[in-house]
């Protein structure tokens, strides 16, 4: 003999068999739809992954990364060469002519215009020379005096001192890089 609760369950299933089969059928169709959607999503992800790991020309992601790594090493070496060149050029430029001061004047009353001049030619350390040219009717004289740190050990004319001052004050110092 079958206990009463089990037999009641069997009778309820038999009486509603069409409904139970329908519910299980709907559940199977729903699960099939979910499986189909998941399969499509998986296919998209798989295609995206294949696209990522291939370079479009049959190469792998590893080959692409190796090629890029080689380029990075190459660029690093080039950057190091440029950095060394920059240092060299900066050192060289500090010793090159960078500051100029020019004063034109008329030292003699018997000449017409400001034909005479004093010009200071200095590097970044304010070292260099000051040249003076005194132009008269019958002759022209040229003088050169060394300049160190914006000053000369020699006696300077007012125009020479003014040319040095123009050169020193008219140029802003270049800050060192580094």
N, C-alpha and C. Protein backbone atom coordinates (compact mmCIF):
# COMPACT_ATOMS: atom_id res chain seq x y z
N UNK A 1 0.82 -1.15 0.00
CA UNK A 1 0.00 0.00 0.00
C UNK A 1 0.89 1.24 0.00
N UNK A 2 0.48 2.23 -0.74
CA UNK A 2 1.21 3.49 -0.90
C UNK A 2 0.69 4.46 0.14
N UNK A 3 1.59 5.12 0.88
CA UNK A 3 1.13 6.07 1.88
C UNK A 3 0.28 7.17 1.22
N UNK A 4 -0.57 7.77 1.99
CA UNK A 4 -1.54 8.73 1.49
C UNK A 4 -0.91 9.98 0.87
N UNK A 5 0.12 10.60 1.45
CA UNK A 5 0.66 11.82 0.84
C UNK A 5 1.27 11.55 -0.53
N UNK A 6 1.94 10.38 -0.71
CA UNK A 6 2.55 10.07 -2.01
C UNK A 6 1.45 9.79 -3.02
N UNK A 7 0.44 9.10 -2.64
CA UNK A 7 -0.63 8.79 -3.58
C UNK A 7 -1.39 10.04 -3.96
N UNK A 8 -1.51 10.98 -3.05
CA UNK A 8 -2.16 12.24 -3.38
C UNK A 8 -1.32 13.04 -4.38
N UNK A 9 -0.03 12.95 -4.21
CA UNK A 9 0.88 13.63 -5.14
C UNK A 9 0.78 13.01 -6.51
N UNK A 10 0.78 11.67 -6.57
CA UNK A 10 0.65 10.99 -7.87
C UNK A 10 -0.66 11.36 -8.54
N UNK A 11 -1.74 11.37 -7.79
CA UNK A 11 -3.05 11.71 -8.36
C UNK A 11 -3.03 13.16 -8.87
N UNK A 12 -2.40 14.08 -8.13
CA UNK A 12 -2.35 15.49 -8.55
C UNK A 12 -1.54 15.62 -9.83
N UNK A 13 -0.44 14.85 -9.95
CA UNK A 13 0.38 14.89 -11.17
C UNK A 13 -0.39 14.31 -12.35
N UNK A 14 -1.03 13.21 -12.15
CA UNK A 14 -1.78 12.58 -13.24
C UNK A 14 -2.91 13.51 -13.68
N UNK A 15 -3.60 14.12 -12.74
CA UNK A 15 -4.71 15.02 -13.09
C UNK A 15 -4.19 16.26 -13.83
N UNK A 16 -2.98 16.69 -13.52
CA UNK A 16 -2.44 17.93 -14.13
C UNK A 16 -1.22 17.62 -15.00
N UNK A 17 -1.20 16.45 -15.59
CA UNK A 17 -0.05 16.02 -16.40
C UNK A 17 0.20 16.97 -17.56
N UNK A 18 -0.79 17.42 -18.21
CA UNK A 18 -0.62 18.32 -19.35
C UNK A 18 0.04 19.63 -18.88
N UNK A 19 -0.40 20.12 -17.74
CA UNK A 19 0.16 21.35 -17.21
C UNK A 19 1.63 21.15 -16.83
N UNK A 20 1.98 20.06 -16.19
CA UNK A 20 3.35 19.77 -15.77
C UNK A 20 4.25 19.64 -17.00
N UNK A 21 3.79 18.91 -18.01
CA UNK A 21 4.58 18.74 -19.24
C UNK A 21 4.77 20.11 -19.91
N UNK A 22 3.73 20.92 -19.92
CA UNK A 22 3.83 22.27 -20.50
C UNK A 22 4.85 23.12 -19.77
N UNK A 23 4.83 23.07 -18.40
CA UNK A 23 5.80 23.84 -17.62
C UNK A 23 7.24 23.38 -17.88
N UNK A 24 7.44 22.05 -17.92
CA UNK A 24 8.78 21.54 -18.22
C UNK A 24 9.21 21.90 -19.64
N UNK A 25 8.29 21.88 -20.57
CA UNK A 25 8.60 22.27 -21.96
C UNK A 25 9.01 23.73 -22.04
N UNK A 26 8.25 24.59 -21.34
CA UNK A 26 8.58 26.02 -21.33
C UNK A 26 9.94 26.25 -20.68
N UNK A 27 10.22 25.50 -19.61
CA UNK A 27 11.51 25.60 -18.94
C UNK A 27 12.64 25.18 -19.87
N UNK A 28 12.44 24.13 -20.62
CA UNK A 28 13.46 23.65 -21.56
C UNK A 28 13.68 24.68 -22.67
N UNK A 29 12.59 25.25 -23.18
CA UNK A 29 12.72 26.28 -24.24
C UNK A 29 13.46 27.50 -23.68
N UNK A 30 13.13 27.92 -22.49
CA UNK A 30 13.81 29.06 -21.85
C UNK A 30 15.29 28.81 -21.66
N UNK A 31 15.61 27.59 -21.18
CA UNK A 31 17.04 27.25 -21.00
C UNK A 31 17.76 27.18 -22.34
N UNK A 32 17.08 26.70 -23.38
CA UNK A 32 17.69 26.65 -24.72
C UNK A 32 17.96 28.08 -25.22
N UNK A 33 17.03 29.02 -24.96
CA UNK A 33 17.23 30.41 -25.39
C UNK A 33 18.42 31.03 -24.64
N UNK A 34 18.52 30.77 -23.35
CA UNK A 34 19.64 31.28 -22.56
C UNK A 34 20.96 30.69 -23.08
N UNK A 35 20.97 29.41 -23.38
CA UNK A 35 22.18 28.76 -23.92
C UNK A 35 22.56 29.37 -25.26
N UNK A 36 21.57 29.68 -26.11
CA UNK A 36 21.84 30.28 -27.42
C UNK A 36 22.46 31.68 -27.24
N UNK A 37 21.88 32.49 -26.36
CA UNK A 37 22.41 33.84 -26.12
C UNK A 37 23.83 33.75 -25.57
N UNK A 38 24.07 32.84 -24.66
CA UNK A 38 25.42 32.69 -24.10
C UNK A 38 26.41 32.21 -25.16
N UNK A 39 25.97 31.34 -26.05
CA UNK A 39 26.85 30.85 -27.12
C UNK A 39 27.23 32.01 -28.04
N UNK A 40 26.28 32.90 -28.37
CA UNK A 40 26.58 34.07 -29.21
C UNK A 40 27.56 35.00 -28.52
N UNK A 41 27.36 35.25 -27.24
CA UNK A 41 28.27 36.12 -26.48
C UNK A 41 29.66 35.51 -26.41
N UNK A 42 29.72 34.21 -26.22
CA UNK A 42 31.01 33.51 -26.18
C UNK A 42 31.70 33.62 -27.53
N UNK A 43 30.96 33.51 -28.62
CA UNK A 43 31.53 33.61 -29.96
C UNK A 43 32.11 35.01 -30.17
N UNK A 44 31.39 36.05 -29.73
CA UNK A 44 31.89 37.42 -29.87
C UNK A 44 33.18 37.63 -29.07
N UNK A 45 33.17 37.12 -27.85
CA UNK A 45 34.36 37.26 -27.01
C UNK A 45 35.53 36.49 -27.63
N UNK A 46 35.26 35.31 -28.15
CA UNK A 46 36.32 34.52 -28.78
C UNK A 46 36.87 35.24 -30.01
N UNK A 47 36.00 35.84 -30.82
CA UNK A 47 36.46 36.60 -31.99
C UNK A 47 37.29 37.81 -31.57
N UNK A 48 36.85 38.49 -30.51
CA UNK A 48 37.61 39.64 -30.02
C UNK A 48 38.97 39.20 -29.51
N UNK A 49 39.03 38.09 -28.82
CA UNK A 49 40.30 37.57 -28.31
C UNK A 49 41.23 37.21 -29.46
N UNK A 50 40.69 36.53 -30.48
CA UNK A 50 41.53 36.17 -31.64
C UNK A 50 42.05 37.41 -32.34
N UNK A 51 41.20 38.42 -32.43
CA UNK A 51 41.62 39.68 -33.04
C UNK A 51 42.73 40.32 -32.21
N UNK A 52 42.63 40.24 -30.90
CA UNK A 52 43.64 40.82 -30.02
C UNK A 52 44.98 40.11 -30.14
N UNK A 53 44.96 38.80 -30.17
CA UNK A 53 46.23 38.06 -30.15
C UNK A 53 46.84 37.88 -31.53
N UNK A 54 46.16 38.31 -32.57
CA UNK A 54 46.78 38.25 -33.90
C UNK A 54 46.99 39.67 -34.38
N UNK A 55 48.00 39.87 -35.22
CA UNK A 55 48.28 41.22 -35.70
C UNK A 55 47.61 41.52 -37.03
N UNK A 56 46.71 40.68 -37.45
CA UNK A 56 46.01 40.91 -38.70
C UNK A 56 46.78 40.39 -39.91
N UNK A 57 48.00 39.97 -39.70
CA UNK A 57 48.84 39.47 -40.78
C UNK A 57 49.33 38.06 -40.47
N UNK A 58 48.64 37.41 -39.59
CA UNK A 58 48.99 36.03 -39.26
C UNK A 58 49.97 35.90 -38.10
N UNK A 59 50.41 37.02 -37.54
CA UNK A 59 51.35 36.97 -36.43
C UNK A 59 50.61 36.88 -35.11
N UNK A 60 51.34 36.53 -34.08
CA UNK A 60 50.72 36.37 -32.76
C UNK A 60 50.93 37.65 -31.94
N UNK A 61 50.23 37.70 -30.82
CA UNK A 61 50.39 38.82 -29.90
C UNK A 61 51.82 38.88 -29.39
N UNK A 62 52.42 37.75 -29.12
CA UNK A 62 53.80 37.70 -28.65
C UNK A 62 54.74 38.33 -29.68
N UNK A 63 54.54 38.01 -30.96
CA UNK A 63 55.39 38.59 -32.00
C UNK A 63 55.20 40.10 -32.07
N UNK A 64 53.95 40.54 -31.95
CA UNK A 64 53.66 41.97 -31.99
C UNK A 64 54.31 42.67 -30.80
N UNK A 65 54.19 42.08 -29.61
CA UNK A 65 54.80 42.68 -28.42
C UNK A 65 56.33 42.70 -28.53
N UNK A 66 56.90 41.64 -29.06
CA UNK A 66 58.36 41.59 -29.25
C UNK A 66 58.82 42.68 -30.21
N UNK A 67 58.05 42.89 -31.29
CA UNK A 67 58.41 43.93 -32.25
C UNK A 67 58.33 45.31 -31.60
N UNK A 68 57.28 45.54 -30.81
CA UNK A 68 57.16 46.83 -30.14
C UNK A 68 58.24 47.01 -29.08
N UNK A 69 58.59 45.95 -28.39
CA UNK A 69 59.65 46.03 -27.40
C UNK A 69 60.98 46.39 -28.08
N UNK A 70 61.22 45.80 -29.24
CA UNK A 70 62.43 46.15 -30.00
C UNK A 70 62.45 47.62 -30.37
N UNK A 71 61.29 48.15 -30.76
CA UNK A 71 61.22 49.57 -31.11
C UNK A 71 61.45 50.44 -29.88
N UNK A 72 60.91 50.03 -28.74
CA UNK A 72 61.10 50.79 -27.50
C UNK A 72 62.59 50.83 -27.13
N UNK A 73 63.27 49.73 -27.26
CA UNK A 73 64.71 49.69 -26.97
C UNK A 73 65.47 50.60 -27.94
N UNK A 74 65.08 50.56 -29.20
CA UNK A 74 65.70 51.41 -30.21
C UNK A 74 65.49 52.89 -29.89
N UNK A 75 64.27 53.26 -29.53
CA UNK A 75 63.96 54.65 -29.19
C UNK A 75 64.73 55.06 -27.93
N UNK A 76 64.86 54.16 -26.97
CA UNK A 76 65.62 54.46 -25.76
C UNK A 76 67.08 54.76 -26.07
N UNK A 77 67.66 53.97 -26.96
CA UNK A 77 69.05 54.20 -27.35
C UNK A 77 69.19 55.54 -28.08
N UNK A 78 68.24 55.84 -28.95
CA UNK A 78 68.27 57.12 -29.66
C UNK A 78 68.12 58.28 -28.68
N UNK A 79 67.24 58.13 -27.69
CA UNK A 79 67.05 59.17 -26.68
C UNK A 79 68.35 59.38 -25.89
N UNK A 80 69.05 58.33 -25.58
CA UNK A 80 70.32 58.45 -24.87
C UNK A 80 71.34 59.21 -25.72
N UNK A 81 71.41 58.89 -27.02
CA UNK A 81 72.32 59.62 -27.92
C UNK A 81 71.95 61.10 -27.99
N UNK A 82 70.65 61.40 -28.07
CA UNK A 82 70.21 62.79 -28.12
C UNK A 82 70.51 63.52 -26.82
N UNK A 83 70.38 62.83 -25.71
CA UNK A 83 70.69 63.43 -24.42
C UNK A 83 72.18 63.78 -24.33
N UNK A 84 73.03 62.89 -24.78
CA UNK A 84 74.47 63.16 -24.78
C UNK A 84 74.81 64.33 -25.71
N UNK A 85 74.17 64.36 -26.88
CA UNK A 85 74.39 65.46 -27.82
C UNK A 85 73.93 66.78 -27.20
N UNK A 86 72.79 66.75 -26.51
CA UNK A 86 72.28 67.96 -25.86
C UNK A 86 73.27 68.47 -24.82
N UNK A 87 73.80 67.58 -24.00
CA UNK A 87 74.80 67.99 -22.99
C UNK A 87 76.02 68.61 -23.66
N UNK A 88 76.51 67.97 -24.72
CA UNK A 88 77.69 68.48 -25.43
C UNK A 88 77.41 69.87 -26.00
N UNK A 89 76.25 70.03 -26.65
CA UNK A 89 75.92 71.32 -27.26
C UNK A 89 75.71 72.40 -26.21
N UNK A 90 75.16 72.03 -25.07
CA UNK A 90 74.97 73.02 -24.01
C UNK A 90 76.31 73.51 -23.48
N UNK A 91 77.24 72.61 -23.27
CA UNK A 91 78.57 73.01 -22.80
C UNK A 91 79.25 73.90 -23.85
N UNK A 92 79.13 73.49 -25.12
CA UNK A 92 79.74 74.29 -26.19
C UNK A 92 79.08 75.66 -26.32
N UNK A 93 77.77 75.72 -26.18
CA UNK A 93 77.08 76.99 -26.38
C UNK A 93 77.41 78.00 -25.28
N UNK A 94 77.69 77.52 -24.08
CA UNK A 94 78.04 78.45 -23.00
C UNK A 94 79.34 79.19 -23.30
N UNK A 95 80.21 78.60 -24.09
CA UNK A 95 81.46 79.25 -24.45
C UNK A 95 81.38 80.01 -25.76
N UNK A 96 80.23 80.03 -26.39
CA UNK A 96 80.09 80.72 -27.66
C UNK A 96 79.60 82.15 -27.45
N UNK A 97 79.74 82.95 -28.47
CA UNK A 97 79.32 84.35 -28.43
C UNK A 97 77.81 84.42 -28.24
N UNK A 98 77.38 85.05 -27.13
CA UNK A 98 75.96 85.13 -26.83
C UNK A 98 75.49 86.53 -26.49
N UNK A 99 76.37 87.38 -26.02
CA UNK A 99 75.96 88.70 -25.55
C UNK A 99 76.76 89.77 -26.28
N UNK A 100 76.04 90.69 -26.90
CA UNK A 100 76.67 91.73 -27.71
C UNK A 100 76.14 93.08 -27.25
N UNK A 101 77.05 94.02 -27.08
CA UNK A 101 76.67 95.39 -26.78
C UNK A 101 77.41 96.32 -27.71
N UNK A 102 76.69 97.22 -28.35
CA UNK A 102 77.30 98.12 -29.35
C UNK A 102 76.97 99.56 -28.99
N UNK A 103 78.01 100.41 -29.04
CA UNK A 103 77.84 101.84 -28.83
C UNK A 103 78.57 102.55 -29.96
N UNK A 104 77.82 103.40 -30.66
CA UNK A 104 78.43 104.23 -31.71
C UNK A 104 78.60 105.64 -31.14
N UNK A 105 79.71 106.28 -31.55
CA UNK A 105 79.96 107.61 -31.00
C UNK A 105 80.88 108.39 -31.94
N UNK A 106 81.02 109.69 -31.67
CA UNK A 106 81.87 110.58 -32.45
C UNK A 106 82.93 111.15 -31.49
N UNK A 107 84.15 110.60 -31.53
CA UNK A 107 85.16 111.05 -30.56
C UNK A 107 85.84 112.37 -30.95
N UNK A 108 85.74 112.74 -32.22
CA UNK A 108 86.44 113.94 -32.69
C UNK A 108 85.43 114.95 -33.23
N UNK A 109 85.68 116.21 -33.00
CA UNK A 109 84.77 117.25 -33.45
C UNK A 109 84.89 117.50 -34.95
N UNK A 110 86.00 117.10 -35.54
CA UNK A 110 86.21 117.43 -36.96
C UNK A 110 85.65 116.36 -37.91
N UNK A 111 85.02 115.30 -37.40
CA UNK A 111 84.41 114.28 -38.27
C UNK A 111 82.90 114.45 -38.25
N UNK A 112 82.26 113.91 -39.28
CA UNK A 112 80.84 114.17 -39.48
C UNK A 112 79.88 113.42 -38.58
N UNK A 113 79.97 112.12 -38.47
CA UNK A 113 78.93 111.39 -37.74
C UNK A 113 79.55 110.34 -36.82
N UNK A 114 78.69 109.49 -36.26
CA UNK A 114 79.16 108.47 -35.32
C UNK A 114 79.81 107.31 -36.07
N UNK A 115 80.99 107.54 -36.58
CA UNK A 115 81.71 106.51 -37.33
C UNK A 115 82.51 105.59 -36.40
N UNK A 116 82.77 106.02 -35.19
CA UNK A 116 83.52 105.22 -34.23
C UNK A 116 82.54 104.34 -33.45
N UNK A 117 83.09 103.27 -32.88
CA UNK A 117 82.21 102.37 -32.11
C UNK A 117 83.01 101.60 -31.08
N UNK A 118 82.28 101.08 -30.10
CA UNK A 118 82.81 100.12 -29.13
C UNK A 118 81.81 98.96 -29.12
N UNK A 119 82.34 97.75 -29.25
CA UNK A 119 81.46 96.57 -29.27
C UNK A 119 82.01 95.53 -28.29
N UNK A 120 81.14 95.05 -27.43
CA UNK A 120 81.50 94.00 -26.48
C UNK A 120 80.93 92.69 -27.00
N UNK A 121 81.78 91.67 -27.07
CA UNK A 121 81.40 90.33 -27.53
C UNK A 121 81.70 89.34 -26.41
N UNK A 122 80.63 88.83 -25.76
CA UNK A 122 80.81 88.03 -24.55
C UNK A 122 80.09 86.68 -24.67
N UNK A 123 80.63 85.69 -23.93
CA UNK A 123 79.96 84.39 -23.86
C UNK A 123 79.01 84.38 -22.65
N UNK A 124 78.48 83.20 -22.32
CA UNK A 124 77.51 83.12 -21.24
C UNK A 124 78.13 83.39 -19.86
N UNK A 125 79.43 83.20 -19.74
CA UNK A 125 80.12 83.50 -18.47
C UNK A 125 80.52 84.98 -18.40
N UNK A 126 80.14 85.75 -19.40
CA UNK A 126 80.47 87.17 -19.53
C UNK A 126 81.96 87.38 -19.78
N UNK A 127 82.58 86.39 -20.41
CA UNK A 127 83.98 86.50 -20.82
C UNK A 127 84.01 86.79 -22.32
N UNK A 128 85.02 87.54 -22.76
CA UNK A 128 85.17 87.82 -24.18
C UNK A 128 86.08 89.01 -24.40
N UNK A 129 85.70 89.88 -25.33
CA UNK A 129 86.51 91.06 -25.66
C UNK A 129 85.60 92.26 -25.87
N UNK A 130 86.22 93.43 -25.75
CA UNK A 130 85.57 94.66 -26.17
C UNK A 130 86.50 95.28 -27.22
N UNK A 131 85.93 95.56 -28.38
CA UNK A 131 86.69 96.17 -29.48
C UNK A 131 86.26 97.62 -29.60
N UNK A 132 87.24 98.50 -29.83
CA UNK A 132 86.94 99.91 -30.04
C UNK A 132 87.58 100.35 -31.34
N UNK A 133 86.85 101.13 -32.10
CA UNK A 133 87.37 101.69 -33.33
C UNK A 133 87.18 103.19 -33.26
N UNK A 134 88.28 103.92 -33.34
CA UNK A 134 88.23 105.38 -33.33
C UNK A 134 88.52 105.85 -34.75
N UNK A 135 87.50 106.45 -35.36
CA UNK A 135 87.61 106.87 -36.76
C UNK A 135 87.81 108.38 -36.82
N UNK A 136 88.90 108.78 -37.45
CA UNK A 136 89.18 110.20 -37.66
C UNK A 136 89.30 110.47 -39.15
N UNK A 137 89.59 111.73 -39.50
CA UNK A 137 89.69 112.07 -40.93
C UNK A 137 90.82 111.32 -41.60
N UNK A 138 91.93 111.24 -40.96
CA UNK A 138 93.10 110.66 -41.62
C UNK A 138 93.40 109.23 -41.23
N UNK A 139 92.79 108.73 -40.21
CA UNK A 139 93.13 107.38 -39.76
C UNK A 139 92.03 106.77 -38.91
N UNK A 140 92.12 105.46 -38.79
CA UNK A 140 91.21 104.72 -37.91
C UNK A 140 92.06 103.83 -37.03
N UNK A 141 91.79 103.85 -35.75
CA UNK A 141 92.53 103.01 -34.81
C UNK A 141 91.58 102.00 -34.20
N UNK A 142 92.09 100.79 -34.01
CA UNK A 142 91.29 99.71 -33.42
C UNK A 142 92.00 99.21 -32.17
N UNK A 143 91.22 99.04 -31.09
CA UNK A 143 91.75 98.56 -29.83
C UNK A 143 90.93 97.35 -29.38
N UNK A 144 91.60 96.38 -28.77
CA UNK A 144 90.91 95.20 -28.23
C UNK A 144 91.37 95.00 -26.79
N UNK A 145 90.38 94.74 -25.91
CA UNK A 145 90.69 94.53 -24.50
C UNK A 145 89.92 93.30 -24.03
N UNK A 146 90.60 92.42 -23.26
CA UNK A 146 89.90 91.22 -22.76
C UNK A 146 88.88 91.58 -21.67
N UNK A 147 87.84 90.78 -21.61
CA UNK A 147 86.79 90.95 -20.60
C UNK A 147 86.60 89.62 -19.89
N UNK A 148 86.59 89.64 -18.57
CA UNK A 148 86.35 88.44 -17.77
C UNK A 148 85.28 88.74 -16.74
N UNK A 149 84.21 87.97 -16.77
CA UNK A 149 83.12 88.16 -15.82
C UNK A 149 82.44 89.51 -15.95
N UNK A 150 82.46 90.08 -17.13
CA UNK A 150 81.81 91.36 -17.36
C UNK A 150 82.67 92.57 -17.02
N UNK A 151 83.95 92.33 -16.69
CA UNK A 151 84.85 93.44 -16.34
C UNK A 151 86.19 93.22 -17.03
N UNK A 152 86.92 94.32 -17.20
CA UNK A 152 88.24 94.25 -17.81
C UNK A 152 89.28 94.78 -16.84
N UNK A 153 90.48 94.19 -16.88
CA UNK A 153 91.58 94.65 -16.02
C UNK A 153 92.20 95.92 -16.60
N UNK A 154 91.90 96.19 -17.86
CA UNK A 154 92.43 97.37 -18.53
C UNK A 154 91.51 98.57 -18.31
N UNK A 155 92.07 99.73 -18.44
CA UNK A 155 91.27 100.95 -18.33
C UNK A 155 90.34 101.03 -19.52
N UNK A 156 89.07 101.27 -19.24
CA UNK A 156 88.06 101.31 -20.29
C UNK A 156 87.60 102.74 -20.53
N UNK A 157 87.31 103.03 -21.78
CA UNK A 157 86.68 104.32 -22.07
C UNK A 157 85.22 104.24 -21.64
N UNK A 158 84.56 105.38 -21.58
CA UNK A 158 83.14 105.39 -21.20
C UNK A 158 82.32 104.54 -22.18
N UNK A 159 82.64 104.64 -23.47
CA UNK A 159 81.90 103.90 -24.49
C UNK A 159 82.14 102.39 -24.37
N UNK A 160 83.37 101.99 -24.06
CA UNK A 160 83.66 100.57 -23.88
C UNK A 160 82.92 100.02 -22.66
N UNK A 161 82.93 100.76 -21.58
CA UNK A 161 82.21 100.34 -20.37
C UNK A 161 80.71 100.25 -20.65
N UNK A 162 80.19 101.20 -21.42
CA UNK A 162 78.77 101.19 -21.77
C UNK A 162 78.45 99.98 -22.66
N UNK A 163 79.31 99.64 -23.60
CA UNK A 163 79.09 98.48 -24.47
C UNK A 163 79.06 97.19 -23.65
N UNK A 164 79.96 97.07 -22.68
CA UNK A 164 79.97 95.88 -21.81
C UNK A 164 78.69 95.84 -20.97
N UNK A 165 78.29 96.97 -20.43
CA UNK A 165 77.07 97.02 -19.62
C UNK A 165 75.84 96.63 -20.46
N UNK A 166 75.77 97.11 -21.69
CA UNK A 166 74.65 96.75 -22.58
C UNK A 166 74.65 95.25 -22.84
N UNK A 167 75.84 94.69 -23.08
CA UNK A 167 75.93 93.24 -23.35
C UNK A 167 75.52 92.42 -22.13
N UNK A 168 75.98 92.83 -20.96
CA UNK A 168 75.69 92.07 -19.73
C UNK A 168 74.22 92.23 -19.31
N UNK A 169 73.71 93.44 -19.34
CA UNK A 169 72.35 93.68 -18.86
C UNK A 169 71.29 93.30 -19.89
N UNK A 170 71.66 93.35 -21.14
CA UNK A 170 70.66 93.10 -22.18
C UNK A 170 70.37 91.64 -22.43
N UNK A 171 71.12 90.77 -21.80
CA UNK A 171 70.93 89.33 -22.02
C UNK A 171 70.61 88.66 -20.70
N UNK A 172 69.58 87.83 -20.72
CA UNK A 172 69.21 87.07 -19.53
C UNK A 172 70.04 85.79 -19.49
N UNK A 173 70.56 85.43 -18.33
CA UNK A 173 71.36 84.21 -18.25
C UNK A 173 70.51 82.97 -18.53
N UNK A 174 71.15 82.01 -19.14
CA UNK A 174 70.48 80.74 -19.44
C UNK A 174 70.64 79.83 -18.23
N UNK A 175 69.54 79.36 -17.65
CA UNK A 175 69.67 78.46 -16.49
C UNK A 175 70.26 77.12 -16.92
N UNK A 176 71.12 76.53 -16.11
CA UNK A 176 71.68 75.23 -16.47
C UNK A 176 70.60 74.15 -16.46
N UNK A 177 70.74 73.21 -17.39
CA UNK A 177 69.79 72.10 -17.48
C UNK A 177 70.32 70.97 -16.62
N UNK A 178 69.43 70.32 -15.91
CA UNK A 178 69.90 69.17 -15.15
C UNK A 178 69.32 69.16 -13.84
